[in-house]
Protein backbone atom coordinates (compact mmCIF):
# COMPACT_ATOMS: atom_id res chain seq x y z
CA UNK A 1 71.06 148.20 91.74
CA UNK A 2 68.02 150.34 91.46
CA UNK A 3 69.07 152.85 93.50
CA UNK A 4 72.38 153.07 91.52
CA UNK A 5 70.63 153.17 88.09
CA UNK A 6 68.15 156.13 89.31
CA UNK A 7 70.65 158.15 90.70
CA UNK A 8 72.63 157.48 87.26
CA UNK A 9 69.42 158.41 85.33
CA UNK A 10 69.22 161.68 87.22
CA UNK A 11 72.92 162.45 86.67
CA UNK A 12 72.51 161.96 82.75
CA UNK A 13 69.33 164.29 83.12
CA UNK A 14 71.55 166.97 85.12
CA UNK A 15 74.64 166.55 82.52
CA UNK A 16 72.11 167.26 79.38
CA UNK A 17 70.22 169.76 80.90
CA UNK A 18 73.26 171.66 82.00
CA UNK A 19 74.89 171.28 78.45
CA UNK A 20 71.75 172.53 76.69
CA UNK A 21 71.88 175.85 78.89
CA UNK A 22 75.58 176.12 77.84
CA UNK A 23 75.01 175.92 74.23
CA UNK A 24 72.06 178.15 74.17
CA UNK A 25 73.83 180.89 76.25
CA UNK A 26 76.96 180.71 74.06
CA UNK A 27 74.92 180.82 71.02
CA UNK A 28 72.84 183.79 72.47
CA UNK A 29 75.98 185.84 73.93
CA UNK A 30 79.23 184.82 72.69
CA UNK A 31 82.18 183.75 74.22
CA UNK A 32 83.30 187.15 75.63
CA UNK A 33 79.86 187.41 77.70
CA UNK A 34 79.25 183.52 78.70
CA UNK A 35 77.59 183.56 82.27
CA UNK A 36 80.03 181.10 84.10
CA UNK A 37 78.89 182.16 87.14
CA UNK A 38 74.76 180.81 86.04
CA UNK A 39 76.77 178.06 84.83
CA UNK A 40 78.33 177.29 88.06
CA UNK A 41 75.44 177.69 89.93
CA UNK A 42 73.18 175.09 87.81
CA UNK A 43 76.23 172.79 88.13
CA UNK A 44 76.14 172.76 92.17
CA UNK A 45 72.11 172.93 92.29
CA UNK A 46 72.22 170.08 90.15
CA UNK A 47 74.61 167.88 92.45
CA UNK A 48 72.82 168.88 95.39
CA UNK A 49 69.51 167.43 93.88
CA UNK A 50 71.23 164.34 93.05
CA UNK A 51 72.92 163.67 96.26
CA UNK A 52 68.68 164.62 97.74
CA UNK A 53 67.58 161.79 95.60
CA UNK A 54 70.24 159.51 96.56
CA UNK A 55 69.60 160.26 100.41
CA UNK A 56 66.08 160.33 100.51
CA UNK A 57 64.48 157.41 98.80
CA UNK A 58 60.81 158.94 99.14
CA UNK A 59 61.46 161.76 96.73
CA UNK A 60 60.46 160.84 93.38
CA UNK A 61 62.76 160.82 89.99
CA UNK A 62 60.06 162.98 88.24
CA UNK A 63 59.75 165.42 91.39
CA UNK A 64 63.69 165.75 91.12
CA UNK A 65 63.71 166.24 87.37
CA UNK A 66 60.73 168.86 87.39
CA UNK A 67 62.84 170.64 90.33
CA UNK A 68 65.91 170.82 88.05
CA UNK A 69 64.50 171.34 85.01
CA UNK A 70 62.58 174.44 87.23
CA UNK A 71 65.89 175.80 88.64
CA UNK A 72 67.27 176.11 85.03
CA UNK A 73 64.79 178.19 83.78
CA UNK A 74 65.06 180.33 86.75
CA UNK A 75 68.85 180.46 86.49
CA UNK A 76 68.20 181.10 82.84
CA UNK A 77 65.81 183.97 83.76
CA UNK A 78 68.65 186.19 85.37
CA UNK A 79 70.87 185.83 82.33
CA UNK A 80 71.98 189.03 80.16
CA UNK A 81 70.29 188.03 77.05
CA UNK A 82 67.11 187.54 78.79
CA UNK A 83 67.20 190.33 80.92
CA UNK A 84 67.60 192.74 77.92
CA UNK A 85 64.92 190.93 76.00
CA UNK A 86 62.35 191.99 78.97
CA UNK A 87 63.76 195.41 79.31
CA UNK A 88 63.03 195.89 75.32
CA UNK A 89 59.67 194.55 75.86
CA UNK A 90 58.77 196.55 78.55
CA UNK A 91 60.35 199.94 77.47
C-alpha cells in the first residue's frame, strides 16, 4: 500500500507541475506559439521518473521530486519567451 501511495503522490506532483508549466507558457506565448514539444518532453520525463521511482525503492521521494523540478526548469529555459528575454538582456 505504501508503494502505491508513494507512486500516486509522485504522479500528482508531476501533473501539478506540468499543469503549472502549461498555464505559464500559455499566458506568456498565447495559443499560436504554444510549445507543444516542450510540454510533451515534460510529460515523457515525468512518466520516466515515476516509473523509475516505482521500480527502484531506494530512491527517495524528495530526490525524484527535486529531479523533476530541475527538469522542468531546464525545459522552461529553452522555450521561446525565456530565450527572447535572455537575448534582450544580453544584447
